[in-house]
Amino acid sequence: MHTWRRIKADGTEWEVRIISEPGGEGAEREIIEFRALDGSSQPRRTAVPRDTLSDLSDDDLAAVYRRAAPIAGDHYGRPGKPMNDAR
């Protein structure tokens, strides 16, 4: 079983996962997702350079979290129409 990294932000513990690689093989970026372990917040996603997640410090990862947008709302976290891939 794979253990994903976790961070604490906004009073919640988040699991950080790589969910896809845009463009398939040879792509320069991959999508990472922050998922609240207690289910209290919508997942957040953003793109990062490929194969960098394991090299990010906790401070760097917190900065990536801050720029990640909730997937079921707009950039400001307001509710909106969920994306087709929202679970």
N, C-alpha and C. Protein backbone atom coordinates (compact mmCIF):
# COMPACT_ATOMS: atom_id res chain seq x y z
N MET A 1 0.84 -1.18 0.00
CA MET A 1 0.00 0.00 0.00
C MET A 1 0.88 1.24 0.00
N HIS A 2 0.56 2.19 -0.85
CA HIS A 2 1.34 3.43 -0.95
C HIS A 2 0.88 4.41 0.12
N THR A 3 1.83 5.04 0.79
CA THR A 3 1.51 6.07 1.77
C THR A 3 1.80 7.42 1.14
N TRP A 4 0.77 8.27 1.06
CA TRP A 4 0.93 9.60 0.48
C TRP A 4 1.40 10.57 1.55
N ARG A 5 2.01 11.64 1.11
CA ARG A 5 2.43 12.70 2.04
C ARG A 5 1.21 13.38 2.61
N ARG A 6 1.40 13.99 3.78
CA ARG A 6 0.33 14.74 4.43
C ARG A 6 0.88 16.07 4.91
N ILE A 7 0.00 17.08 4.89
CA ILE A 7 0.35 18.38 5.45
C ILE A 7 -0.83 18.89 6.28
N LYS A 8 -0.56 19.82 7.15
CA LYS A 8 -1.62 20.50 7.90
C LYS A 8 -1.69 21.92 7.37
N ALA A 9 -2.92 22.33 7.01
CA ALA A 9 -3.15 23.68 6.50
C ALA A 9 -4.60 24.05 6.76
N ASP A 10 -4.84 25.30 7.06
CA ASP A 10 -6.20 25.79 7.32
C ASP A 10 -6.92 24.97 8.39
N GLY A 11 -6.17 24.49 9.38
CA GLY A 11 -6.76 23.74 10.49
C GLY A 11 -7.18 22.33 10.15
N THR A 12 -6.74 21.82 9.01
CA THR A 12 -7.13 20.48 8.55
C THR A 12 -5.89 19.72 8.10
N GLU A 13 -5.93 18.40 8.25
CA GLU A 13 -4.84 17.58 7.72
C GLU A 13 -5.24 17.12 6.32
N TRP A 14 -4.33 17.30 5.37
CA TRP A 14 -4.58 17.00 3.96
C TRP A 14 -3.64 15.89 3.49
N GLU A 15 -4.19 14.97 2.69
CA GLU A 15 -3.39 13.96 2.02
C GLU A 15 -3.05 14.52 0.64
N VAL A 16 -1.81 14.35 0.22
CA VAL A 16 -1.34 14.90 -1.05
C VAL A 16 -1.05 13.73 -2.00
N ARG A 17 -1.75 13.72 -3.15
CA ARG A 17 -1.57 12.62 -4.09
C ARG A 17 -1.32 13.11 -5.51
N ILE A 18 -0.62 12.32 -6.27
CA ILE A 18 -0.49 12.56 -7.71
C ILE A 18 -1.67 11.84 -8.34
N ILE A 19 -2.50 12.58 -9.09
CA ILE A 19 -3.69 11.94 -9.65
C ILE A 19 -3.63 11.73 -11.15
N SER A 20 -2.80 12.49 -11.87
CA SER A 20 -2.71 12.28 -13.31
C SER A 20 -1.48 12.99 -13.85
N GLU A 21 -1.17 12.63 -15.04
CA GLU A 21 -0.07 13.26 -15.75
C GLU A 21 -0.63 13.83 -17.04
N PRO A 22 -0.88 15.17 -17.07
CA PRO A 22 -1.45 15.75 -18.30
C PRO A 22 -0.56 15.49 -19.50
N GLY A 23 -1.15 15.09 -20.58
CA GLY A 23 -0.38 14.87 -21.81
C GLY A 23 0.25 13.50 -21.90
N GLY A 24 0.10 12.67 -20.88
CA GLY A 24 0.65 11.32 -20.92
C GLY A 24 2.16 11.29 -20.79
N GLU A 25 2.76 10.28 -21.39
CA GLU A 25 4.22 10.10 -21.32
C GLU A 25 4.95 11.32 -21.87
N GLY A 26 6.01 11.71 -21.21
CA GLY A 26 6.81 12.83 -21.66
C GLY A 26 6.27 14.19 -21.24
N ALA A 27 5.17 14.22 -20.52
CA ALA A 27 4.60 15.49 -20.07
C ALA A 27 5.54 16.16 -19.07
N GLU A 28 5.52 17.46 -19.06
CA GLU A 28 6.40 18.21 -18.17
C GLU A 28 5.76 18.50 -16.81
N ARG A 29 4.43 18.34 -16.71
CA ARG A 29 3.74 18.62 -15.45
C ARG A 29 2.83 17.46 -15.08
N GLU A 30 2.48 17.38 -13.78
CA GLU A 30 1.52 16.41 -13.31
C GLU A 30 0.57 17.10 -12.34
N ILE A 31 -0.61 16.55 -12.20
CA ILE A 31 -1.63 17.12 -11.33
C ILE A 31 -1.51 16.49 -9.94
N ILE A 32 -1.47 17.34 -8.92
CA ILE A 32 -1.53 16.82 -7.56
C ILE A 32 -2.81 17.28 -6.91
N GLU A 33 -3.31 16.46 -6.01
CA GLU A 33 -4.57 16.74 -5.34
C GLU A 33 -4.34 16.73 -3.84
N PHE A 34 -4.96 17.71 -3.17
CA PHE A 34 -4.97 17.78 -1.72
C PHE A 34 -6.37 17.37 -1.29
N ARG A 35 -6.48 16.33 -0.47
CA ARG A 35 -7.78 15.81 -0.02
C ARG A 35 -7.83 15.86 1.50
N ALA A 36 -8.84 16.58 2.04
CA ALA A 36 -9.00 16.69 3.49
C ALA A 36 -9.33 15.31 4.07
N LEU A 37 -8.55 14.89 5.06
CA LEU A 37 -8.76 13.56 5.64
C LEU A 37 -10.09 13.46 6.37
N ASP A 38 -10.57 14.56 6.94
CA ASP A 38 -11.84 14.52 7.66
C ASP A 38 -13.04 14.84 6.76
N GLY A 39 -12.81 15.10 5.48
CA GLY A 39 -13.88 15.38 4.55
C GLY A 39 -14.55 16.74 4.73
N SER A 40 -13.91 17.62 5.48
CA SER A 40 -14.53 18.91 5.80
C SER A 40 -14.40 19.94 4.68
N SER A 41 -13.55 19.70 3.71
CA SER A 41 -13.33 20.66 2.62
C SER A 41 -13.27 19.94 1.29
N GLN A 42 -13.56 20.69 0.24
CA GLN A 42 -13.47 20.15 -1.11
C GLN A 42 -12.01 19.84 -1.45
N PRO A 43 -11.76 18.81 -2.25
CA PRO A 43 -10.40 18.57 -2.71
C PRO A 43 -9.89 19.76 -3.51
N ARG A 44 -8.59 19.94 -3.52
CA ARG A 44 -7.94 21.03 -4.26
C ARG A 44 -6.91 20.42 -5.20
N ARG A 45 -6.79 20.99 -6.40
CA ARG A 45 -5.83 20.47 -7.39
C ARG A 45 -5.02 21.59 -8.00
N THR A 46 -3.81 21.23 -8.39
CA THR A 46 -2.95 22.13 -9.14
C THR A 46 -1.91 21.30 -9.88
N ALA A 47 -1.22 21.93 -10.80
CA ALA A 47 -0.17 21.26 -11.56
C ALA A 47 1.19 21.66 -11.01
N VAL A 48 2.10 20.71 -11.00
CA VAL A 48 3.48 20.95 -10.58
C VAL A 48 4.40 20.31 -11.62
N PRO A 49 5.66 20.75 -11.67
CA PRO A 49 6.59 20.09 -12.58
C PRO A 49 6.68 18.59 -12.26
N ARG A 50 6.77 17.80 -13.30
CA ARG A 50 6.81 16.34 -13.17
C ARG A 50 7.93 15.88 -12.24
N ASP A 51 7.62 14.89 -11.41
CA ASP A 51 8.58 14.23 -10.52
C ASP A 51 9.20 15.15 -9.47
N THR A 52 8.48 16.19 -9.05
CA THR A 52 9.03 17.09 -8.03
C THR A 52 8.38 16.93 -6.66
N LEU A 53 7.25 16.24 -6.58
CA LEU A 53 6.54 16.14 -5.31
C LEU A 53 7.42 15.61 -4.19
N SER A 54 8.18 14.57 -4.45
CA SER A 54 9.02 13.99 -3.39
C SER A 54 10.16 14.91 -2.98
N ASP A 55 10.52 15.86 -3.83
CA ASP A 55 11.61 16.78 -3.51
C ASP A 55 11.16 18.05 -2.80
N LEU A 56 9.85 18.28 -2.70
CA LEU A 56 9.35 19.51 -2.09
C LEU A 56 9.48 19.44 -0.57
N SER A 57 9.97 20.52 0.03
CA SER A 57 10.01 20.61 1.50
C SER A 57 8.59 20.84 1.99
N ASP A 58 8.38 20.74 3.29
CA ASP A 58 7.04 21.00 3.84
C ASP A 58 6.60 22.42 3.55
N ASP A 59 7.52 23.39 3.62
CA ASP A 59 7.18 24.78 3.32
C ASP A 59 6.81 24.95 1.85
N ASP A 60 7.56 24.31 0.96
CA ASP A 60 7.25 24.36 -0.47
C ASP A 60 5.88 23.74 -0.76
N LEU A 61 5.60 22.62 -0.10
CA LEU A 61 4.33 21.94 -0.30
C LEU A 61 3.17 22.80 0.21
N ALA A 62 3.38 23.51 1.31
CA ALA A 62 2.35 24.43 1.82
C ALA A 62 2.09 25.55 0.81
N ALA A 63 3.13 26.03 0.14
CA ALA A 63 2.97 27.07 -0.88
C ALA A 63 2.17 26.52 -2.07
N VAL A 64 2.42 25.29 -2.45
CA VAL A 64 1.67 24.66 -3.55
C VAL A 64 0.20 24.53 -3.13
N TYR A 65 -0.05 24.13 -1.89
CA TYR A 65 -1.41 24.02 -1.39
C TYR A 65 -2.15 25.36 -1.51
N ARG A 66 -1.49 26.43 -1.14
CA ARG A 66 -2.13 27.75 -1.16
C ARG A 66 -2.54 28.17 -2.57
N ARG A 67 -1.85 27.69 -3.60
CA ARG A 67 -2.24 28.08 -4.96
C ARG A 67 -3.20 27.08 -5.61
N ALA A 68 -3.45 25.94 -4.95
CA ALA A 68 -4.37 24.94 -5.49
C ALA A 68 -5.81 25.43 -5.35
N ALA A 69 -6.59 25.21 -6.39
CA ALA A 69 -7.98 25.65 -6.39
C ALA A 69 -8.91 24.49 -6.03
N PRO A 70 -9.98 24.77 -5.26
CA PRO A 70 -10.97 23.72 -5.00
C PRO A 70 -11.57 23.24 -6.32
N ILE A 71 -11.83 21.95 -6.44
CA ILE A 71 -12.30 21.42 -7.72
C ILE A 71 -13.80 21.58 -7.92
N ALA A 72 -14.57 21.85 -6.87
CA ALA A 72 -16.01 21.97 -7.03
C ALA A 72 -16.48 23.41 -6.86
N GLY A 73 -15.60 24.35 -7.03
CA GLY A 73 -15.97 25.75 -6.91
C GLY A 73 -15.00 26.57 -7.75
N ASP A 74 -15.13 27.87 -7.64
CA ASP A 74 -14.20 28.71 -8.38
C ASP A 74 -12.91 28.92 -7.58
N HIS A 75 -12.03 29.74 -8.09
CA HIS A 75 -10.72 29.96 -7.46
C HIS A 75 -10.83 30.45 -6.02
N TYR A 76 -11.93 31.11 -5.69
CA TYR A 76 -12.10 31.67 -4.35
C TYR A 76 -12.83 30.72 -3.40
N GLY A 77 -13.13 29.51 -3.85
CA GLY A 77 -13.75 28.52 -3.00
C GLY A 77 -15.26 28.63 -2.91
N ARG A 78 -15.86 29.51 -3.72
CA ARG A 78 -17.32 29.62 -3.72
C ARG A 78 -17.91 28.40 -4.40
N PRO A 79 -19.04 27.91 -3.90
CA PRO A 79 -19.64 26.73 -4.52
C PRO A 79 -19.97 26.99 -5.99
N GLY A 80 -19.87 25.96 -6.75
CA GLY A 80 -20.17 26.06 -8.17
C GLY A 80 -20.56 24.70 -8.69
N LYS A 81 -20.66 24.58 -9.98
CA LYS A 81 -21.00 23.31 -10.59
C LYS A 81 -19.80 22.37 -10.46
N PRO A 82 -19.98 21.19 -9.85
CA PRO A 82 -18.86 20.25 -9.72
C PRO A 82 -18.33 19.83 -11.09
N MET A 83 -17.04 19.59 -11.14
CA MET A 83 -16.43 19.11 -12.37
C MET A 83 -16.86 17.66 -12.61
N ASN A 84 -16.81 17.23 -13.85
CA ASN A 84 -17.24 15.88 -14.20
C ASN A 84 -16.46 14.80 -13.47
N ASP A 85 -15.21 15.05 -13.14
CA ASP A 85 -14.40 14.02 -12.50
C ASP A 85 -14.46 14.10 -10.97
N ALA A 86 -15.29 14.99 -10.41
CA ALA A 86 -15.42 15.08 -8.95
C ALA A 86 -16.12 13.83 -8.44
N ARG A 87 -15.61 13.32 -7.34
CA ARG A 87 -16.18 12.09 -6.79
C ARG A 87 -17.08 12.39 -5.64
